[in-house]
PDB file of all heavy atoms in Angstrom:
ATOM      1  N   TYR A   1     -14.789   1.894  18.686  1.00  0.00           N
ATOM      2  CA  TYR A   1     -14.218   2.796  19.666  1.00  0.00           C
ATOM      3  C   TYR A   1     -15.114   4.042  19.661  1.00  0.00           C
ATOM      4  O   TYR A   1     -15.626   4.598  20.682  1.00  0.00           O
ATOM      5  CB  TYR A   1     -12.852   3.168  19.283  1.00  0.00           C
ATOM      6  CG  TYR A   1     -12.090   4.216  20.143  1.00  0.00           C
ATOM      7  CD1 TYR A   1     -11.455   3.711  21.309  1.00  0.00           C
ATOM      8  CD2 TYR A   1     -12.204   5.534  19.907  1.00  0.00           C
ATOM      9  CE1 TYR A   1     -10.804   4.645  22.146  1.00  0.00           C
ATOM     10  CE2 TYR A   1     -11.412   6.424  20.705  1.00  0.00           C
ATOM     11  CZ  TYR A   1     -10.876   5.974  21.823  1.00  0.00           C
ATOM     12  OH  TYR A   1     -10.200   6.900  22.671  1.00  0.00           O
ATOM     13  N   PHE A   2     -15.359   4.679  18.394  1.00  0.00           N
ATOM     14  CA  PHE A   2     -16.263   5.805  18.357  1.00  0.00           C
ATOM     15  C   PHE A   2     -17.629   5.581  18.905  1.00  0.00           C
ATOM     16  O   PHE A   2     -18.266   6.350  19.650  1.00  0.00           O
ATOM     17  CB  PHE A   2     -16.441   6.235  16.862  1.00  0.00           C
ATOM     18  CG  PHE A   2     -15.236   7.082  16.376  1.00  0.00           C
ATOM     19  CD1 PHE A   2     -14.398   6.562  15.392  1.00  0.00           C
ATOM     20  CD2 PHE A   2     -14.929   8.342  16.823  1.00  0.00           C
ATOM     21  CE1 PHE A   2     -13.320   7.350  14.818  1.00  0.00           C
ATOM     22  CE2 PHE A   2     -13.926   9.108  16.391  1.00  0.00           C
ATOM     23  CZ  PHE A   2     -13.136   8.607  15.366  1.00  0.00           C
ATOM     24  N   VAL A   3     -18.224   4.368  18.516  1.00  0.00           N
ATOM     25  CA  VAL A   3     -19.649   4.075  19.010  1.00  0.00           C
ATOM     26  C   VAL A   3     -19.630   4.050  20.448  1.00  0.00           C
ATOM     27  O   VAL A   3     -20.621   4.558  21.136  1.00  0.00           O
ATOM     28  CB  VAL A   3     -19.995   2.719  18.384  1.00  0.00           C
ATOM     29  CG1 VAL A   3     -21.209   2.169  19.025  1.00  0.00           C
ATOM     30  CG2 VAL A   3     -20.303   2.972  16.873  1.00  0.00           C
ATOM     31  N   GLU A   4     -18.682   3.381  21.124  1.00  0.00           N
ATOM     32  CA  GLU A   4     -18.677   3.241  22.528  1.00  0.00           C
ATOM     33  C   GLU A   4     -18.463   4.682  23.202  1.00  0.00           C
ATOM     34  O   GLU A   4     -19.155   4.968  24.236  1.00  0.00           O
ATOM     35  CB  GLU A   4     -17.576   2.248  23.010  1.00  0.00           C
ATOM     36  CG  GLU A   4     -17.908   0.885  22.728  1.00  0.00           C
ATOM     37  CD  GLU A   4     -16.741  -0.049  22.951  1.00  0.00           C
ATOM     38  OE1 GLU A   4     -15.760   0.265  23.497  1.00  0.00           O
ATOM     39  OE2 GLU A   4     -16.845  -1.232  22.323  1.00  0.00           O
ATOM     40  N   LYS A   5     -17.433   5.405  22.769  1.00  0.00           N
ATOM     41  CA  LYS A   5     -17.192   6.802  23.379  1.00  0.00           C
ATOM     42  C   LYS A   5     -18.303   7.675  23.173  1.00  0.00           C
ATOM     43  O   LYS A   5     -18.453   8.621  24.024  1.00  0.00           O
ATOM     44  CB  LYS A   5     -15.830   7.278  22.774  1.00  0.00           C
ATOM     45  CG  LYS A   5     -14.532   6.444  23.101  1.00  0.00           C
ATOM     46  CD  LYS A   5     -14.276   6.425  24.603  1.00  0.00           C
ATOM     47  CE  LYS A   5     -12.994   5.677  24.788  1.00  0.00           C
ATOM     48  NZ  LYS A   5     -12.754   5.499  26.253  1.00  0.00           N
ATOM     49  N   MET A   6     -19.031   7.485  22.089  1.00  0.00           N
ATOM     50  CA  MET A   6     -20.096   8.437  21.810  1.00  0.00           C
ATOM     51  C   MET A   6     -21.497   7.975  22.349  1.00  0.00           C
ATOM     52  O   MET A   6     -22.554   8.529  22.132  1.00  0.00           O
ATOM     53  CB  MET A   6     -20.317   8.736  20.386  1.00  0.00           C
ATOM     54  CG  MET A   6     -19.019   9.418  19.807  1.00  0.00           C
ATOM     55  SD  MET A   6     -18.997   9.516  18.027  1.00  0.00           S
ATOM     56  CE  MET A   6     -20.396  10.605  17.728  1.00  0.00           C
ATOM     57  N   ASP A   7     -21.462   6.827  23.116  1.00  0.00           N
ATOM     58  CA  ASP A   7     -22.636   6.230  23.640  1.00  0.00           C
ATOM     59  C   ASP A   7     -23.684   5.948  22.616  1.00  0.00           C
ATOM     60  O   ASP A   7     -24.912   6.273  22.788  1.00  0.00           O
ATOM     61  CB  ASP A   7     -23.244   7.133  24.756  1.00  0.00           C
ATOM     62  CG  ASP A   7     -24.147   6.351  25.702  1.00  0.00           C
ATOM     63  OD1 ASP A   7     -24.015   5.150  25.769  1.00  0.00           O
ATOM     64  OD2 ASP A   7     -25.052   6.961  26.339  1.00  0.00           O
ATOM     65  N   LEU A   8     -23.275   5.288  21.471  1.00  0.00           N
ATOM     66  CA  LEU A   8     -24.222   4.943  20.358  1.00  0.00           C
ATOM     67  C   LEU A   8     -24.365   3.490  20.277  1.00  0.00           C
ATOM     68  O   LEU A   8     -24.992   2.961  19.306  1.00  0.00           O
ATOM     69  CB  LEU A   8     -23.500   5.504  19.016  1.00  0.00           C
ATOM     70  CG  LEU A   8     -23.555   7.031  18.951  1.00  0.00           C
ATOM     71  CD1 LEU A   8     -22.737   7.267  17.627  1.00  0.00           C
ATOM     72  CD2 LEU A   8     -24.896   7.649  18.801  1.00  0.00           C
ATOM     73  N   SER A   9     -23.991   2.725  21.337  1.00  0.00           N
ATOM     74  CA  SER A   9     -24.088   1.235  21.255  1.00  0.00           C
ATOM     75  C   SER A   9     -25.474   0.806  20.969  1.00  0.00           C
ATOM     76  O   SER A   9     -25.707  -0.320  20.294  1.00  0.00           O
ATOM     77  CB  SER A   9     -23.583   0.555  22.538  1.00  0.00           C
ATOM     78  OG  SER A   9     -22.206   0.926  22.611  1.00  0.00           O
ATOM     79  N   ASP A  10     -26.524   1.488  21.455  1.00  0.00           N
ATOM     80  CA  ASP A  10     -27.923   1.088  21.197  1.00  0.00           C
ATOM     81  C   ASP A  10     -28.304   1.251  19.700  1.00  0.00           C
ATOM     82  O   ASP A  10     -29.351   0.688  19.327  1.00  0.00           O
ATOM     83  CB  ASP A  10     -28.866   1.942  22.060  1.00  0.00           C
ATOM     84  CG  ASP A  10     -28.772   1.554  23.511  1.00  0.00           C
ATOM     85  OD1 ASP A  10     -28.148   0.584  23.862  1.00  0.00           O
ATOM     86  OD2 ASP A  10     -29.285   2.302  24.301  1.00  0.00           O
ATOM     87  N   SER A  11     -27.509   1.982  18.938  1.00  0.00           N
ATOM     88  CA  SER A  11     -27.845   2.123  17.428  1.00  0.00           C
ATOM     89  C   SER A  11     -27.238   1.180  16.592  1.00  0.00           C
ATOM     90  O   SER A  11     -27.568   1.059  15.488  1.00  0.00           O
ATOM     91  CB  SER A  11     -27.464   3.590  17.051  1.00  0.00           C
ATOM     92  OG  SER A  11     -28.087   4.561  17.814  1.00  0.00           O
ATOM     93  N   PHE A  12     -26.299   0.403  17.140  1.00  0.00           N
ATOM     94  CA  PHE A  12     -25.458  -0.596  16.327  1.00  0.00           C
ATOM     95  C   PHE A  12     -25.672  -1.999  16.885  1.00  0.00           C
ATOM     96  O   PHE A  12     -25.495  -2.240  18.080  1.00  0.00           O
ATOM     97  CB  PHE A  12     -23.939  -0.229  16.355  1.00  0.00           C
ATOM     98  CG  PHE A  12     -23.656   0.973  15.467  1.00  0.00           C
ATOM     99  CD1 PHE A  12     -23.806   2.221  16.032  1.00  0.00           C
ATOM    100  CD2 PHE A  12     -23.243   0.804  14.226  1.00  0.00           C
ATOM    101  CE1 PHE A  12     -23.557   3.405  15.316  1.00  0.00           C
ATOM    102  CE2 PHE A  12     -22.984   2.049  13.512  1.00  0.00           C
ATOM    103  CZ  PHE A  12     -23.094   3.292  14.004  1.00  0.00           C
ATOM    104  N   SER A  13     -26.050  -2.885  16.064  1.00  0.00           N
ATOM    105  CA  SER A  13     -26.223  -4.345  16.446  1.00  0.00           C
ATOM    106  C   SER A  13     -24.827  -5.007  16.306  1.00  0.00           C
ATOM    107  O   SER A  13     -24.478  -5.754  17.270  1.00  0.00           O
ATOM    108  CB  SER A  13     -27.340  -5.007  15.534  1.00  0.00           C
ATOM    109  OG  SER A  13     -27.461  -6.340  15.895  1.00  0.00           O
ATOM    110  N   LYS A  14     -24.284  -4.935  15.171  1.00  0.00           N
ATOM    111  CA  LYS A  14     -23.002  -5.638  14.861  1.00  0.00           C
ATOM    112  C   LYS A  14     -21.996  -4.648  14.231  1.00  0.00           C
ATOM    113  O   LYS A  14     -22.458  -4.024  13.173  1.00  0.00           O
ATOM    114  CB  LYS A  14     -23.165  -6.764  14.049  1.00  0.00           C
ATOM    115  CG  LYS A  14     -23.916  -8.017  14.705  1.00  0.00           C
ATOM    116  CD  LYS A  14     -23.963  -9.164  13.710  1.00  0.00           C
ATOM    117  CE  LYS A  14     -24.931 -10.166  14.292  1.00  0.00           C
ATOM    118  NZ  LYS A  14     -25.066 -11.307  13.323  1.00  0.00           N
ATOM    119  N   ILE A  15     -20.743  -4.733  14.561  1.00  0.00           N
ATOM    120  CA  ILE A  15     -19.641  -4.169  13.828  1.00  0.00           C
ATOM    121  C   ILE A  15     -18.618  -5.224  13.705  1.00  0.00           C
ATOM    122  O   ILE A  15     -18.101  -5.543  14.763  1.00  0.00           O
ATOM    123  CB  ILE A  15     -19.116  -2.869  14.506  1.00  0.00           C
ATOM    124  CG1 ILE A  15     -20.270  -1.873  14.646  1.00  0.00           C
ATOM    125  CG2 ILE A  15     -17.928  -2.290  13.640  1.00  0.00           C
ATOM    126  CD1 ILE A  15     -19.862  -0.611  15.613  1.00  0.00           C
ATOM    127  N   ARG A  16     -18.404  -5.750  12.601  1.00  0.00           N
ATOM    128  CA  ARG A  16     -17.488  -6.866  12.383  1.00  0.00           C
ATOM    129  C   ARG A  16     -16.644  -6.682  11.118  1.00  0.00           C
ATOM    130  O   ARG A  16     -16.708  -5.664  10.512  1.00  0.00           O
ATOM    131  CB  ARG A  16     -18.230  -8.213  12.254  1.00  0.00           C
ATOM    132  CG  ARG A  16     -19.223  -8.490  13.413  1.00  0.00           C
ATOM    133  CD  ARG A  16     -18.482  -9.070  14.544  1.00  0.00           C
ATOM    134  NE  ARG A  16     -19.355  -9.660  15.577  1.00  0.00           N
ATOM    135  CZ  ARG A  16     -20.029  -8.914  16.349  1.00  0.00           C
ATOM    136  NH1 ARG A  16     -19.997  -7.610  16.464  1.00  0.00           N
ATOM    137  NH2 ARG A  16     -20.859  -9.454  17.334  1.00  0.00           N
ATOM    138  N   SER A  17     -15.748  -7.591  10.905  1.00  0.00           N
ATOM    139  CA  SER A  17     -14.840  -7.612   9.676  1.00  0.00           C
ATOM    140  C   SER A  17     -14.539  -8.961   9.137  1.00  0.00           C
ATOM    141  O   SER A  17     -14.828  -9.977   9.884  1.00  0.00           O
ATOM    142  CB  SER A  17     -13.586  -6.904  10.057  1.00  0.00           C
ATOM    143  OG  SER A  17     -12.872  -7.542  11.012  1.00  0.00           O
ATOM    144  N   ALA A  18     -14.229  -8.993   7.950  1.00  0.00           N
ATOM    145  CA  ALA A  18     -13.946 -10.264   7.175  1.00  0.00           C
ATOM    146  C   ALA A  18     -13.058  -9.986   6.021  1.00  0.00           C
ATOM    147  O   ALA A  18     -12.777  -8.772   5.659  1.00  0.00           O
ATOM    148  CB  ALA A  18     -15.331 -10.805   6.735  1.00  0.00           C
ATOM    149  N   ALA A  19     -12.666 -11.120   5.442  1.00  0.00           N
ATOM    150  CA  ALA A  19     -11.751 -11.066   4.260  1.00  0.00           C
ATOM    151  C   ALA A  19     -12.382 -11.606   2.984  1.00  0.00           C
ATOM    152  O   ALA A  19     -13.365 -12.260   3.030  1.00  0.00           O
ATOM    153  CB  ALA A  19     -10.614 -12.072   4.522  1.00  0.00           C
ATOM    154  N   THR A  20     -11.791 -11.188   1.839  1.00  0.00           N
ATOM    155  CA  THR A  20     -12.273 -11.801   0.576  1.00  0.00           C
ATOM    156  C   THR A  20     -11.425 -13.078   0.330  1.00  0.00           C
ATOM    157  O   THR A  20     -11.899 -13.830  -0.378  1.00  0.00           O
ATOM    158  CB  THR A  20     -12.105 -10.880  -0.564  1.00  0.00           C
ATOM    159  OG1 THR A  20     -10.763 -10.383  -0.684  1.00  0.00           O
ATOM    160  CG2 THR A  20     -13.032  -9.637  -0.388  1.00  0.00           C
ATOM    161  N   SER A  21     -10.265 -13.223   0.935  1.00  0.00           N
ATOM    162  CA  SER A  21      -9.439 -14.370   0.557  1.00  0.00           C
ATOM    163  C   SER A  21      -9.472 -15.301   1.843  1.00  0.00           C
ATOM    164  O   SER A  21     -10.053 -15.065   2.815  1.00  0.00           O
ATOM    165  CB  SER A  21      -7.943 -13.900   0.382  1.00  0.00           C
ATOM    166  OG  SER A  21      -7.349 -13.656   1.691  1.00  0.00           O
ATOM    167  N   THR A  22      -8.828 -16.493   1.679  1.00  0.00           N
ATOM    168  CA  THR A  22      -8.837 -17.468   2.674  1.00  0.00           C
ATOM    169  C   THR A  22      -7.388 -17.585   3.286  1.00  0.00           C
ATOM    170  O   THR A  22      -7.015 -18.317   4.144  1.00  0.00           O
ATOM    171  CB  THR A  22      -9.170 -18.911   2.126  1.00  0.00           C
ATOM    172  OG1 THR A  22      -8.250 -19.219   1.028  1.00  0.00           O
ATOM    173  CG2 THR A  22     -10.597 -18.915   1.616  1.00  0.00           C
ATOM    174  N   GLU A  23      -6.433 -16.695   2.721  1.00  0.00           N
ATOM    175  CA  GLU A  23      -5.045 -16.738   3.119  1.00  0.00           C
ATOM    176  C   GLU A  23      -4.771 -16.667   4.676  1.00  0.00           C
ATOM    177  O   GLU A  23      -3.775 -17.273   5.080  1.00  0.00           O
ATOM    178  CB  GLU A  23      -4.224 -15.690   2.443  1.00  0.00           C
ATOM    179  CG  GLU A  23      -4.262 -15.827   0.926  1.00  0.00           C
ATOM    180  CD  GLU A  23      -3.629 -14.670   0.306  1.00  0.00           C
ATOM    181  OE1 GLU A  23      -2.864 -13.962   0.807  1.00  0.00           O
ATOM    182  OE2 GLU A  23      -4.014 -14.359  -0.935  1.00  0.00           O
ATOM    183  N   GLU A  24      -5.478 -15.815   5.397  1.00  0.00           N
ATOM    184  CA  GLU A  24      -5.132 -15.574   6.756  1.00  0.00           C
ATOM    185  C   GLU A  24      -6.209 -16.165   7.787  1.00  0.00           C
ATOM    186  O   GLU A  24      -6.170 -15.777   8.918  1.00  0.00           O
ATOM    187  CB  GLU A  24      -5.069 -14.053   6.967  1.00  0.00           C
ATOM    188  CG  GLU A  24      -4.026 -13.308   6.147  1.00  0.00           C
ATOM    189  CD  GLU A  24      -2.583 -13.648   6.555  1.00  0.00           C
ATOM    190  OE1 GLU A  24      -2.317 -14.232   7.738  1.00  0.00           O
ATOM    191  OE2 GLU A  24      -1.575 -13.345   5.738  1.00  0.00           O
ATOM    192  N   ILE A  25      -7.151 -16.906   7.270  1.00  0.00           N
ATOM    193  CA  ILE A  25      -8.203 -17.442   8.107  1.00  0.00           C
ATOM    194  C   ILE A  25      -7.645 -18.032   9.434  1.00  0.00           C
ATOM    195  O   ILE A  25      -6.796 -18.814   9.392  1.00  0.00           O
ATOM    196  CB  ILE A  25      -9.092 -18.449   7.347  1.00  0.00           C
ATOM    197  CG1 ILE A  25      -9.922 -17.666   6.315  1.00  0.00           C
ATOM    198  CG2 ILE A  25     -10.033 -19.203   8.361  1.00  0.00           C
ATOM    199  CD1 ILE A  25     -10.843 -18.567   5.521  1.00  0.00           C
ATOM    200  N   GLY A  26      -8.240 -17.613  10.540  1.00  0.00           N
ATOM    201  CA  GLY A  26      -7.776 -18.081  11.774  1.00  0.00           C
ATOM    202  C   GLY A  26      -6.600 -17.282  12.442  1.00  0.00           C
ATOM    203  O   GLY A  26      -6.377 -17.425  13.619  1.00  0.00           O
ATOM    204  N   ASN A  27      -5.971 -16.463  11.630  1.00  0.00           N
ATOM    205  CA  ASN A  27      -4.833 -15.671  12.207  1.00  0.00           C
ATOM    206  C   ASN A  27      -5.332 -14.442  12.975  1.00  0.00           C
ATOM    207  O   ASN A  27      -6.468 -13.930  12.735  1.00  0.00           O
ATOM    208  CB  ASN A  27      -3.987 -15.196  11.149  1.00  0.00           C
ATOM    209  CG  ASN A  27      -3.071 -16.329  10.492  1.00  0.00           C
ATOM    210  OD1 ASN A  27      -2.908 -17.392  11.145  1.00  0.00           O
ATOM    211  ND2 ASN A  27      -2.619 -16.224   9.268  1.00  0.00           N
ATOM    212  N   THR A  28      -4.591 -13.929  13.910  1.00  0.00           N
ATOM    213  CA  THR A  28      -4.898 -12.784  14.696  1.00  0.00           C
ATOM    214  C   THR A  28      -4.567 -11.515  13.917  1.00  0.00           C
ATOM    215  O   THR A  28      -3.996 -11.508  12.846  1.00  0.00           O
ATOM    216  CB  THR A  28      -4.131 -12.786  16.003  1.00  0.00           C
ATOM    217  OG1 THR A  28      -2.756 -12.837  15.748  1.00  0.00           O
ATOM    218  CG2 THR A  28      -4.507 -14.029  16.911  1.00  0.00           C
ATOM    219  N   VAL A  29      -4.882 -10.353  14.547  1.00  0.00           N
ATOM    220  CA  VAL A  29      -4.535  -9.080  13.980  1.00  0.00           C
ATOM    221  C   VAL A  29      -3.041  -8.946  13.872  1.00  0.00           C
ATOM    222  O   VAL A  29      -2.285  -9.418  14.685  1.00  0.00           O
ATOM    223  CB  VAL A  29      -5.093  -8.060  14.965  1.00  0.00           C
ATOM    224  CG1 VAL A  29      -4.620  -6.615  14.558  1.00  0.00           C
ATOM    225  CG2 VAL A  29      -6.573  -8.022  15.011  1.00  0.00           C
ATOM    226  N   TYR A  30      -2.641  -8.441  12.660  1.00  0.00           N
ATOM    227  CA  TYR A  30      -1.161  -8.280  12.415  1.00  0.00           C
ATOM    228  C   TYR A  30      -0.579  -7.336  13.477  1.00  0.00           C
ATOM    229  O   TYR A  30      -1.091  -6.369  13.859  1.00  0.00           O
ATOM    230  CB  TYR A  30      -1.125  -7.704  11.006  1.00  0.00           C
ATOM    231  CG  TYR A  30       0.272  -7.759  10.304  1.00  0.00           C
ATOM    232  CD1 TYR A  30       0.887  -8.941  10.250  1.00  0.00           C
ATOM    233  CD2 TYR A  30       0.911  -6.565   9.956  1.00  0.00           C
ATOM    234  CE1 TYR A  30       2.129  -8.961   9.587  1.00  0.00           C
ATOM    235  CE2 TYR A  30       2.062  -6.587   9.237  1.00  0.00           C
ATOM    236  CZ  TYR A  30       2.808  -7.819   9.212  1.00  0.00           C
ATOM    237  OH  TYR A  30       4.003  -7.842   8.643  1.00  0.00           O
ATOM    238  N   PRO A  31       0.642  -7.789  13.918  1.00  0.00           N
ATOM    239  CA  PRO A  31       1.232  -7.081  15.022  1.00  0.00           C
ATOM    240  C   PRO A  31       1.368  -5.536  14.918  1.00  0.00           C
ATOM    241  O   PRO A  31       1.165  -4.865  15.983  1.00  0.00           O
ATOM    242  CB  PRO A  31       2.663  -7.725  15.137  1.00  0.00           C
ATOM    243  CG  PRO A  31       2.459  -9.160  14.671  1.00  0.00           C
ATOM    244  CD  PRO A  31       1.428  -8.980  13.505  1.00  0.00           C
ATOM    245  N   PRO A  32       1.671  -4.924  13.814  1.00  0.00           N
ATOM    246  CA  PRO A  32       1.812  -3.492  13.818  1.00  0.00           C
ATOM    247  C   PRO A  32       0.414  -2.904  13.985  1.00  0.00           C
ATOM    248  O   PRO A  32       0.287  -1.779  14.568  1.00  0.00           O
ATOM    249  CB  PRO A  32       2.366  -3.114  12.422  1.00  0.00           C
ATOM    250  CG  PRO A  32       3.075  -4.376  11.945  1.00  0.00           C
ATOM    251  CD  PRO A  32       2.333  -5.420  12.559  1.00  0.00           C
ATOM    252  N   ILE A  33      -0.713  -3.575  13.608  1.00  0.00           N
ATOM    253  CA  ILE A  33      -1.991  -3.071  13.773  1.00  0.00           C
ATOM    254  C   ILE A  33      -2.407  -3.208  15.243  1.00  0.00           C
ATOM    255  O   ILE A  33      -2.958  -2.295  15.899  1.00  0.00           O
ATOM    256  CB  ILE A  33      -3.035  -3.859  12.953  1.00  0.00           C
ATOM    257  CG1 ILE A  33      -2.728  -3.684  11.386  1.00  0.00           C
ATOM    258  CG2 ILE A  33      -4.473  -3.417  13.250  1.00  0.00           C
ATOM    259  CD1 ILE A  33      -2.804  -2.277  10.848  1.00  0.00           C
ATOM    260  N   ALA A  34      -1.968  -4.378  15.772  1.00  0.00           N
ATOM    261  CA  ALA A  34      -2.195  -4.618  17.237  1.00  0.00           C
ATOM    262  C   ALA A  34      -1.556  -3.480  18.073  1.00  0.00           C
ATOM    263  O   ALA A  34      -2.128  -3.026  19.112  1.00  0.00           O
ATOM    264  CB  ALA A  34      -1.616  -5.991  17.675  1.00  0.00           C
ATOM    265  N   LYS A  35      -0.396  -3.064  17.696  1.00  0.00           N
ATOM    266  CA  LYS A  35       0.389  -2.012  18.371  1.00  0.00           C
ATOM    267  C   LYS A  35      -0.488  -0.706  18.450  1.00  0.00           C
ATOM    268  O   LYS A  35      -0.583  -0.049  19.515  1.00  0.00           O
ATOM    269  CB  LYS A  35       1.743  -1.790  17.802  1.00  0.00           C
ATOM    270  CG  LYS A  35       2.639  -0.907  18.452  1.00  0.00           C
ATOM    271  CD  LYS A  35       3.944  -0.793  17.796  1.00  0.00           C
ATOM    272  CE  LYS A  35       4.916   0.232  18.457  1.00  0.00           C
ATOM    273  NZ  LYS A  35       6.216   0.220  17.768  1.00  0.00           N
ATOM    274  N   ILE A  36      -1.012  -0.340  17.302  1.00  0.00           N
ATOM    275  CA  ILE A  36      -1.864   0.834  17.205  1.00  0.00           C
ATOM    276  C   ILE A  36      -3.152   0.769  18.133  1.00  0.00           C
ATOM    277  O   ILE A  36      -3.407   1.603  18.916  1.00  0.00           O
ATOM    278  CB  ILE A  36      -2.216   1.177  15.768  1.00  0.00           C
ATOM    279  CG1 ILE A  36      -1.064   1.598  15.009  1.00  0.00           C
ATOM    280  CG2 ILE A  36      -3.358   2.289  15.741  1.00  0.00           C
ATOM    281  CD1 ILE A  36      -1.145   1.663  13.486  1.00  0.00           C
ATOM    282  N   LEU A  37      -3.866  -0.482  18.062  1.00  0.00           N
ATOM    283  CA  LEU A  37      -4.962  -0.682  18.823  1.00  0.00           C
ATOM    284  C   LEU A  37      -4.621  -0.669  20.338  1.00  0.00           C
ATOM    285  O   LEU A  37      -5.374  -0.208  21.187  1.00  0.00           O
ATOM    286  CB  LEU A  37      -5.674  -1.911  18.451  1.00  0.00           C
ATOM    287  CG  LEU A  37      -6.150  -1.987  16.988  1.00  0.00           C
ATOM    288  CD1 LEU A  37      -6.721  -3.308  16.634  1.00  0.00           C
ATOM    289  CD2 LEU A  37      -7.217  -0.896  16.820  1.00  0.00           C
ATOM    290  N   ASP A  38      -3.439  -1.262  20.650  1.00  0.00           N
ATOM    291  CA  ASP A  38      -3.023  -1.343  22.105  1.00  0.00           C
ATOM    292  C   ASP A  38      -2.814   0.160  22.632  1.00  0.00           C
ATOM    293  O   ASP A  38      -3.198   0.426  23.745  1.00  0.00           O
ATOM    294  CB  ASP A  38      -1.673  -2.024  22.330  1.00  0.00           C
ATOM    295  CG  ASP A  38      -1.826  -3.492  22.188  1.00  0.00           C
ATOM    296  OD1 ASP A  38      -2.915  -4.045  22.371  1.00  0.00           O
ATOM    297  OD2 ASP A  38      -0.748  -4.212  21.890  1.00  0.00           O
ATOM    298  N   ARG A  39      -2.338   1.088  21.772  1.00  0.00           N
ATOM    299  CA  ARG A  39      -2.011   2.465  22.107  1.00  0.00           C
ATOM    300  C   ARG A  39      -3.381   3.068  22.497  1.00  0.00           C
ATOM    301  O   ARG A  39      -3.475   3.969  23.366  1.00  0.00           O
ATOM    302  CB  ARG A  39      -1.370   3.147  20.935  1.00  0.00           C
ATOM    303  CG  ARG A  39      -1.076   4.591  21.259  1.00  0.00           C
ATOM    304  CD  ARG A  39      -0.357   5.258  20.082  1.00  0.00           C
ATOM    305  NE  ARG A  39      -1.325   5.558  19.078  1.00  0.00           N
ATOM    306  CZ  ARG A  39      -1.058   5.456  17.716  1.00  0.00           C
ATOM    307  NH1 ARG A  39       0.143   5.005  17.332  1.00  0.00           N
ATOM    308  NH2 ARG A  39      -1.953   5.789  16.855  1.00  0.00           N
ATOM    309  N   LEU A  40      -4.426   2.711  21.769  1.00  0.00           N
ATOM    310  CA  LEU A  40      -5.755   3.239  22.015  1.00  0.00           C
ATOM    311  C   LEU A  40      -6.543   2.480  23.102  1.00  0.00           C
ATOM    312  O   LEU A  40      -7.697   2.732  23.473  1.00  0.00           O
ATOM    313  CB  LEU A  40      -6.646   3.187  20.826  1.00  0.00           C
ATOM    314  CG  LEU A  40      -6.060   3.939  19.629  1.00  0.00           C
ATOM    315  CD1 LEU A  40      -6.795   3.796  18.392  1.00  0.00           C
ATOM    316  CD2 LEU A  40      -6.059   5.510  19.978  1.00  0.00           C
TER     317      LEU A  40
END
């Protein structure tokens, strides 16, 4: 969000995320987190 709003996309190749565990593999963003991201 910051990178896009500040027009810095040319400075970043990848912004990603991952887990250390296998517990949630394949699951989507947890609903309360989704609610915050939806608000933005």
